[in-house]
Protein backbone atom coordinates (compact mmCIF):
# COMPACT_ATOMS: atom_id res chain seq x y z
CA MET A 1 0.95 -3.94 12.36
CA ILE A 2 3.34 -2.32 9.90
CA LYS A 3 3.11 -3.84 6.44
CA LEU A 4 6.13 -4.66 4.29
CA GLY A 5 6.33 -3.79 0.61
CA VAL A 6 9.25 -5.47 -1.14
CA ASN A 7 10.88 -3.53 -3.97
CA ILE A 8 12.04 -5.95 -6.67
CA ASP A 9 13.87 -3.41 -8.88
CA HIS A 10 17.30 -4.74 -7.95
CA VAL A 11 16.46 -8.19 -9.29
CA ALA A 12 15.91 -6.53 -12.65
CA THR A 13 19.18 -4.61 -12.19
CA ILE A 14 21.05 -7.92 -11.97
CA ARG A 15 19.29 -9.15 -15.08
CA GLU A 16 20.14 -6.01 -17.03
CA ALA A 17 23.82 -6.28 -16.09
CA ARG A 18 24.02 -9.08 -18.67
CA LYS A 19 21.04 -8.06 -20.83
CA THR A 20 19.60 -11.53 -20.47
CA ASN A 21 16.32 -12.97 -19.18
CA GLU A 22 17.32 -13.91 -15.65
CA PRO A 23 16.80 -13.40 -12.80
CA ASP A 24 13.18 -12.58 -13.50
CA PRO A 25 11.71 -9.84 -11.26
CA VAL A 26 8.24 -11.30 -11.79
CA TRP A 27 9.43 -14.60 -10.35
CA ALA A 28 11.01 -12.62 -7.52
CA ALA A 29 7.66 -11.04 -6.76
CA VAL A 30 6.11 -14.49 -6.38
CA GLU A 31 8.91 -15.56 -4.02
CA ALA A 32 8.48 -12.39 -1.98
CA GLU A 33 4.75 -13.03 -1.67
CA LEU A 34 5.44 -16.60 -0.51
CA GLY A 35 7.75 -15.14 2.13
CA GLY A 36 4.93 -12.98 3.45
CA ALA A 37 5.34 -9.66 1.63
CA ASP A 38 2.27 -7.49 2.03
CA GLY A 39 3.03 -5.65 -1.18
CA ILE A 40 5.30 -5.56 -4.22
CA THR A 41 6.90 -2.31 -5.32
CA PHE A 42 8.48 -1.59 -8.69
CA HIS A 43 9.79 1.59 -10.31
CA LEU A 44 9.17 1.95 -14.03
CA ARG A 45 11.78 4.57 -14.87
CA GLU A 46 11.75 6.67 -18.00
CA ASP A 47 15.14 5.19 -19.01
CA ARG A 48 13.96 1.60 -18.27
CA ARG A 49 17.31 0.85 -16.63
CA HIS A 50 15.88 -2.08 -14.67
CA ILE A 51 12.12 -2.75 -14.71
CA ASN A 52 10.75 -2.70 -18.25
CA ASP A 53 7.27 -2.60 -19.77
CA ARG A 54 7.05 -6.37 -20.03
CA ASP A 55 7.79 -6.69 -16.31
CA ALA A 56 5.14 -4.12 -15.43
CA GLU A 57 2.49 -5.89 -17.49
CA LEU A 58 3.25 -9.29 -15.96
CA LEU A 59 3.43 -7.91 -12.43
CA LYS A 60 -0.01 -6.42 -12.85
CA GLY A 61 -1.34 -9.76 -14.05
CA THR A 62 0.28 -11.97 -11.42
CA VAL A 63 0.83 -10.11 -8.15
CA ALA A 64 -1.86 -11.08 -5.64
CA VAL A 65 -0.93 -8.58 -2.91
CA LYS A 66 -0.82 -4.79 -3.13
CA LEU A 67 1.04 -3.62 -6.24
CA ASN A 68 2.79 -0.27 -5.86
CA MET A 69 4.20 1.47 -8.92
CA GLU A 70 6.85 4.10 -8.29
CA MET A 71 6.84 6.63 -11.08
CA SER A 72 7.77 10.10 -12.23
CA ILE A 73 5.27 12.68 -13.45
CA ASP A 74 6.40 12.21 -17.05
CA PRO A 75 3.25 12.11 -19.25
CA GLY A 76 4.31 8.86 -20.92
CA ILE A 77 4.76 7.11 -17.57
CA VAL A 78 1.48 8.53 -16.29
CA ALA A 79 -0.28 7.11 -19.36
CA ILE A 80 1.15 3.66 -18.61
CA ALA A 81 -0.01 3.87 -15.00
CA LEU A 82 -3.51 4.83 -16.11
CA ARG A 83 -3.58 1.78 -18.37
CA LEU A 84 -2.03 -0.70 -15.92
CA LYS A 85 -3.95 0.52 -12.87
CA PRO A 86 -1.74 -0.80 -10.07
CA ASP A 87 -3.23 -0.59 -6.59
CA GLN A 88 -1.05 2.38 -5.70
CA CYS A 89 1.09 4.90 -7.54
CA THR A 90 3.94 6.53 -5.63
CA LEU A 91 5.29 9.68 -7.25
CA VAL A 92 9.06 9.98 -6.90
CA PRO A 93 11.75 12.29 -8.27
CA GLU A 94 13.83 10.91 -11.09
CA ARG A 95 17.20 12.01 -12.47
CA ARG A 96 19.05 10.08 -15.16
CA ALA A 97 22.45 10.39 -13.44
CA GLU A 98 21.33 8.98 -10.09
CA ILE A 99 22.09 5.44 -8.96
CA THR A 100 18.86 5.25 -7.00
CA THR A 101 16.27 7.76 -5.81
CA GLU A 102 18.34 10.19 -3.77
CA GLY A 103 15.73 12.25 -1.96
CA GLY A 104 12.12 13.24 -1.82
CA LEU A 105 9.89 14.72 -4.49
CA ASP A 106 9.62 18.49 -4.15
CA VAL A 107 5.84 18.69 -4.09
CA VAL A 108 5.90 22.34 -3.04
CA ARG A 109 7.88 23.50 -6.07
CA LEU A 110 6.11 21.13 -8.47
CA GLU A 111 2.60 21.44 -7.05
CA ARG A 112 1.04 22.85 -10.23
CA ARG A 113 2.34 19.89 -12.25
CA ILE A 114 1.62 17.27 -9.62
CA ARG A 115 -1.98 18.14 -8.74
CA PRO A 116 -3.48 17.16 -12.14
CA VAL A 117 -1.48 13.90 -12.17
CA VAL A 118 -2.79 12.96 -8.72
CA ARG A 119 -6.31 13.85 -9.82
CA LYS A 120 -6.09 11.60 -12.91
CA LEU A 121 -4.69 8.65 -10.96
CA LYS A 122 -7.32 8.90 -8.25
CA ARG A 123 -10.13 9.20 -10.79
CA ALA A 124 -8.87 5.95 -12.31
CA GLY A 125 -9.26 4.24 -8.93
CA MET A 126 -5.66 4.14 -7.70
CA GLU A 127 -4.35 5.20 -4.33
CA THR A 128 -1.66 7.85 -4.52
CA SER A 129 1.44 8.42 -2.43
CA ALA A 130 4.20 11.03 -2.49
CA PHE A 131 7.78 10.08 -1.66
CA VAL A 132 8.90 13.11 0.34
CA GLU A 133 11.55 14.12 2.83
CA PRO A 134 10.37 14.38 6.45
CA LEU A 135 9.77 18.12 6.23
CA GLU A 136 6.52 19.74 7.35
CA ALA A 137 6.22 21.91 4.24
CA GLN A 138 6.52 18.90 1.92
CA ILE A 139 4.02 16.83 3.88
CA VAL A 140 1.49 19.66 4.02
CA GLY A 141 2.11 20.21 0.31
CA ALA A 142 1.36 16.53 -0.36
CA ALA A 143 -1.93 16.84 1.45
CA ARG A 144 -2.73 19.97 -0.53
CA CYS A 145 -2.00 18.08 -3.78
CA GLY A 146 -4.61 15.48 -2.82
CA PHE A 147 -2.38 12.48 -2.11
CA ASP A 148 -3.77 9.65 0.00
CA ALA A 149 -0.41 8.90 1.61
CA VAL A 150 3.17 10.00 1.99
CA GLU A 151 6.23 7.78 2.04
CA LEU A 152 8.85 9.42 4.21
CA TRP A 153 12.43 9.34 2.91
CA THR A 154 14.46 7.63 5.64
CA GLY A 155 17.82 8.34 4.03
CA GLY A 156 18.72 10.97 6.63
CA TYR A 157 18.46 8.29 9.31
CA ALA A 158 20.00 5.48 7.27
CA HIS A 159 23.05 7.55 6.28
CA ALA A 160 23.62 9.11 9.73
CA ARG A 161 27.25 8.84 10.82
CA ASN A 162 26.82 8.72 14.59
CA ALA A 163 24.27 8.16 17.35
CA GLN A 164 23.49 11.86 17.69
CA GLN A 165 22.65 12.20 14.00
CA ARG A 166 20.53 9.05 14.13
CA GLU A 167 18.53 10.35 17.09
CA ARG A 168 17.99 13.68 15.38
CA ALA A 169 16.81 11.90 12.24
CA LEU A 170 14.44 9.70 14.25
CA ASP A 171 13.00 12.80 15.91
CA ASP A 172 12.50 14.35 12.47
CA LEU A 173 10.68 11.22 11.31
CA ALA A 174 8.50 11.13 14.44
CA ARG A 175 7.45 14.75 13.91
CA ALA A 176 6.83 14.11 10.21
CA ILE A 177 4.58 11.16 11.02
CA ASP A 178 2.51 13.36 13.33
CA VAL A 179 2.21 16.06 10.65
CA GLY A 180 1.10 13.49 8.09
CA LEU A 181 -1.51 11.97 10.37
CA ASP A 182 -2.77 15.41 11.40
CA HIS A 183 -3.37 16.18 7.72
CA GLY A 184 -5.28 12.96 7.07
CA LEU A 185 -2.48 11.12 5.29
CA ILE A 186 -1.46 7.49 5.58
CA VAL A 187 2.25 7.42 6.42
CA HIS A 188 4.76 4.99 4.90
CA ALA A 189 8.56 5.00 5.08
CA GLY A 190 11.51 3.77 3.07
CA HIS A 191 15.02 4.27 1.68
CA GLY A 192 18.23 2.81 3.03
CA LEU A 193 16.51 0.61 5.62
CA THR A 194 18.36 -2.62 6.42
CA TYR A 195 18.23 -5.54 8.83
CA ARG A 196 20.57 -3.59 11.11
CA ASN A 197 18.71 -0.30 11.29
CA VAL A 198 15.00 -0.95 10.68
CA MET A 199 13.86 -1.67 14.25
CA PRO A 200 14.22 1.87 15.69
CA VAL A 201 12.10 3.20 12.84
CA ALA A 202 9.54 0.42 13.33
CA ARG A 203 9.18 1.61 16.94
CA LEU A 204 7.84 4.98 15.75
CA ALA A 205 4.08 5.09 16.24
CA GLY A 206 1.86 5.89 13.28
CA LEU A 207 3.65 4.19 10.40
CA SER A 208 1.56 1.90 8.21
CA GLU A 209 4.08 0.46 5.75
CA PHE A 210 7.75 0.10 4.88
CA ASN A 211 9.03 -0.24 1.33
CA ILE A 212 12.41 -1.97 1.31
CA GLY A 213 14.37 -3.33 -1.62
CA HIS A 214 18.15 -3.44 -1.77
CA SER A 215 18.80 -4.93 1.67
CA ILE A 216 16.25 -7.70 1.16
CA ILE A 217 17.58 -8.61 -2.28
CA ALA A 218 21.15 -8.58 -0.95
CA ARG A 219 20.17 -10.89 1.91
CA ALA A 220 18.35 -13.16 -0.52
CA VAL A 221 21.65 -13.96 -2.25
CA PHE A 222 22.59 -15.97 0.85
CA VAL A 223 19.30 -17.23 2.30
CA GLY A 224 16.80 -17.04 -0.56
CA LEU A 225 14.13 -14.42 -1.11
CA ARG A 226 11.38 -16.09 0.89
CA GLU A 227 13.55 -16.31 4.01
CA ALA A 228 14.94 -12.80 3.50
CA VAL A 229 11.39 -11.41 3.49
CA ARG A 230 10.46 -13.45 6.57
CA GLU A 231 13.50 -12.14 8.46
CA MET A 232 12.69 -8.52 7.65
CA LYS A 233 9.06 -8.94 8.64
CA ARG A 234 10.12 -10.43 11.98
CA LEU A 235 12.32 -7.42 12.75
CA ILE A 236 9.57 -4.97 11.79
CA ASP A 237 7.02 -6.85 13.90
CA GLN A 238 9.41 -6.87 16.87
CA GLY A 239 9.97 -3.14 16.61
CA ALA A 240 6.26 -2.41 16.30
CA ALA A 241 5.50 -4.69 19.27
CA GLN A 242 8.01 -2.83 21.41
CA ALA A 243 6.37 0.48 20.48
CA ALA A 244 2.98 -0.91 21.52
CA LEU A 245 4.33 -1.57 25.03
CA VAL A 246 5.37 2.04 25.58
CA PRO A 247 2.97 4.04 27.83
CA PRO A 248 1.51 7.33 26.55
CA GLY A 249 4.15 10.06 26.58
CA GLY A 250 6.99 7.56 26.58
CA ALA A 251 7.54 7.19 22.83
CA ALA A 252 10.91 8.93 22.83
CA GLY A 253 12.32 6.48 25.32
CA ALA A 254 11.16 3.54 23.21
CA ARG A 255 13.96 4.18 20.73
CA HIS A 256 16.73 3.57 23.25
């Protein structure tokens, strides 16, 4: 079974558009849990453009499922993570000009800076994950840095313009999953996944978890957050069930 982590950053984005106190991302986390979310993900950015320190504190005190903190390797953010101690810390790249995270963390180039951060987080009892593009060098680099897991950037698939590009991206993801598993990593996936495109990715064997935010929050505007989470979980479960029916050696055909 593939678990679903719901990213509640965009609820805070709506709040910050008016600089008011609603909608509350902490309340959103409760609604997501009631809808069946297996985890809650939040990104405490250095610029605090959506989730703020108050949110992080309350999420830590109230979330009953897995709490996943996306974060940069900035020393101030690392210090907060060491104090909060969420269940998991996912290291992501962060640029002030970006609208959202636009690609994977370059763990190969930044290995010397990342390794001590991972070591500190793990010593404090937190699981660690690296948000990386589905490239062998980055996945091997994540294993070398000591991460417990990788979250594969699915943007190449989500932003594909035609069926050929989508198939190529799915093949890249399938190979990346194998590389991650071969190196002892738990493999997650996320970025740009929606109700329309999630099932083919859910059919890929070896994934443990999706982290999805924008599409679920957008759907929640019309059906409510609990129902939006339920609908996404149903699609993921359907995709994973279809993959389970595929005989050995037939995984490629399962995507069609």
